[in-house]
C-alpha atoms as a PDB file:
ATOM      1  CA  MET A   1      -2.698  38.618   3.698  1.00  0.00           C
ATOM      2  CA  PRO A   2      -2.950  37.805   0.249  1.00  0.00           C
ATOM      3  CA  LYS A   3      -1.821  34.154  -0.951  1.00  0.00           C
ATOM      4  CA  TYR A   4       0.782  34.025  -3.657  1.00  0.00           C
ATOM      5  CA  LEU A   5       2.003  30.791  -6.003  1.00  0.00           C
ATOM      6  CA  VAL A   6       5.863  30.272  -6.299  1.00  0.00           C
ATOM      7  CA  ASN A   7       6.502  29.804  -9.757  1.00  0.00           C
ATOM      8  CA  GLN A   8      10.328  29.224  -9.281  1.00  0.00           C
ATOM      9  CA  GLY A   9      12.021  28.356  -6.112  1.00  0.00           C
ATOM     10  CA  LEU A  10      12.525  31.594  -3.589  1.00  0.00           C
ATOM     11  CA  ASP A  11      14.357  32.253  -0.582  1.00  0.00           C
ATOM     12  CA  TYR A  12      13.149  35.050   2.515  1.00  0.00           C
ATOM     13  CA  LEU A  13      13.137  35.535   5.887  1.00  0.00           C
ATOM     14  CA  ASN A  14      15.181  32.330   6.260  1.00  0.00           C
ATOM     15  CA  ARG A  15      12.770  30.434   4.603  1.00  0.00           C
ATOM     16  CA  ARG A  16      12.798  28.066   1.251  1.00  0.00           C
ATOM     17  CA  VAL A  17       9.976  27.538  -0.708  1.00  0.00           C
ATOM     18  CA  GLU A  18       9.786  25.889  -3.883  1.00  0.00           C
ATOM     19  CA  ALA A  19       7.899  26.237  -7.150  1.00  0.00           C
ATOM     20  CA  GLY A  20       4.099  25.291  -6.439  1.00  0.00           C
ATOM     21  CA  GLU A  21       3.995  26.150  -2.946  1.00  0.00           C
ATOM     22  CA  ILE A  22       1.459  28.954  -1.807  1.00  0.00           C
ATOM     23  CA  VAL A  23       2.840  31.223   0.689  1.00  0.00           C
ATOM     24  CA  ASP A  24       1.679  34.302   2.530  1.00  0.00           C
ATOM     25  CA  ASP A  25       4.251  35.724   4.195  1.00  0.00           C
ATOM     26  CA  ILE A  26       6.340  37.269   1.214  1.00  0.00           C
ATOM     27  CA  PRO A  27       7.408  41.069   2.534  1.00  0.00           C
ATOM     28  CA  ALA A  28       5.075  43.355   0.862  1.00  0.00           C
ATOM     29  CA  LYS A  29       8.257  45.537  -0.851  1.00  0.00           C
ATOM     30  CA  SER A  30       9.025  42.526  -2.809  1.00  0.00           C
ATOM     31  CA  VAL A  31       5.971  41.417  -3.721  1.00  0.00           C
ATOM     32  CA  ALA A  32       5.667  43.693  -6.561  1.00  0.00           C
ATOM     33  CA  TRP A  33       9.132  43.079  -8.520  1.00  0.00           C
ATOM     34  CA  LEU A  34       8.535  38.769  -7.557  1.00  0.00           C
ATOM     35  CA  LYS A  35       5.073  39.322  -9.467  1.00  0.00           C
ATOM     36  CA  GLU A  36       6.775  41.301 -12.291  1.00  0.00           C
ATOM     37  CA  GLN A  37       9.479  38.824 -13.141  1.00  0.00           C
ATOM     38  CA  GLY A  38       7.108  35.916 -12.609  1.00  0.00           C
ATOM     39  CA  ILE A  39       8.438  34.438  -9.614  1.00  0.00           C
ATOM     40  CA  ILE A  40       5.066  34.867  -8.046  1.00  0.00           C
ATOM     41  CA  GLU A  41       1.224  35.664  -8.715  1.00  0.00           C
ATOM     42  CA  LEU A  42      -1.598  36.091  -6.698  1.00  0.00           C
ATOM     43  CA  ALA A  43      -3.183  32.565  -6.164  1.00  0.00           C
ATOM     44  CA  ASP A  44      -6.816  32.087  -6.695  1.00  0.00           C
ATOM     45  CA  GLY A  45      -8.122  28.516  -6.038  1.00  0.00           C
ATOM     46  CA  SER A  46      -7.274  27.180  -9.690  1.00  0.00           C
ATOM     47  CA  ALA A  47      -3.628  28.665  -9.150  1.00  0.00           C
ATOM     48  CA  LYS A  48      -0.785  26.274 -10.805  1.00  0.00           C
ATOM     49  CA  ALA A  49       2.781  26.719 -10.778  1.00  0.00           C
ATOM     50  CA  LYS A  50       4.299  27.480 -14.267  1.00  0.00           C
ATOM     51  CA  VAL A  51       6.880  24.712 -13.549  1.00  0.00           C
ATOM     52  CA  GLU A  52       7.638  22.327 -16.545  1.00  0.00           C
ATOM     53  CA  VAL A  53       9.726  19.537 -14.950  1.00  0.00           C
ATOM     54  CA  GLU A  54      11.241  16.785 -16.926  1.00  0.00           C
ATOM     55  CA  PRO A  55      11.169  12.917 -16.004  1.00  0.00           C
ATOM     56  CA  ALA A  56      14.401  11.588 -14.638  1.00  0.00           C
ATOM     57  CA  PRO A  57      15.361   9.079 -17.819  1.00  0.00           C
ATOM     58  CA  ILE A  58      15.286   5.113 -16.876  1.00  0.00           C
ATOM     59  CA  VAL A  59      18.616   3.758 -16.495  1.00  0.00           C
ATOM     60  CA  GLU A  60      18.433  -0.396 -16.487  1.00  0.00           C
ATOM     61  CA  ALA A  61      21.689  -1.944 -14.412  1.00  0.00           C
ATOM     62  CA  ALA A  62      23.139  -4.247 -16.008  1.00  0.00           C
ATOM     63  CA  PRO A  63      22.447  -7.440 -13.599  1.00  0.00           C
ATOM     64  CA  VAL A  64      25.664  -8.545 -10.903  1.00  0.00           C
ATOM     65  CA  ILE A  65      26.234 -12.332 -11.548  1.00  0.00           C
ATOM     66  CA  ALA A  66      28.309 -13.451  -8.323  1.00  0.00           C
ATOM     67  CA  ASP A  67      30.285 -16.414  -8.920  1.00  0.00           C
ATOM     68  CA  ALA A  68      31.338 -18.832  -5.989  1.00  0.00           C
ATOM     69  CA  ILE A  69      35.154 -18.972  -5.224  1.00  0.00           C
ATOM     70  CA  ASP A  70      36.434 -22.029  -5.563  1.00  0.00           C
ATOM     71  CA  SER A  71      38.952 -23.181  -2.891  1.00  0.00           C
ATOM     72  CA  GLU A  72      40.963 -23.964  -6.067  1.00  0.00           C
ATOM     73  CA  ASP A  73      41.086 -20.127  -7.501  1.00  0.00           C
ATOM     74  CA  LYS A  74      43.327 -18.965  -4.280  1.00  0.00           C
END
């Protein structure tokens, strides 16, 4: 059975596969249209998913300063 590289997340046969995974159990009747849409491609040893993922922005949180509560503050 041929192996396919998944270029986009895909649900089939009660299963979820994500971009970059290589699978060999895609239903034969779906292979042609999935290839036409670029969702899957025949996997060879050098296949890589055509997915561009932007890195998450780095967010620096403000430091939290906790003051001790004095008995006079009550």
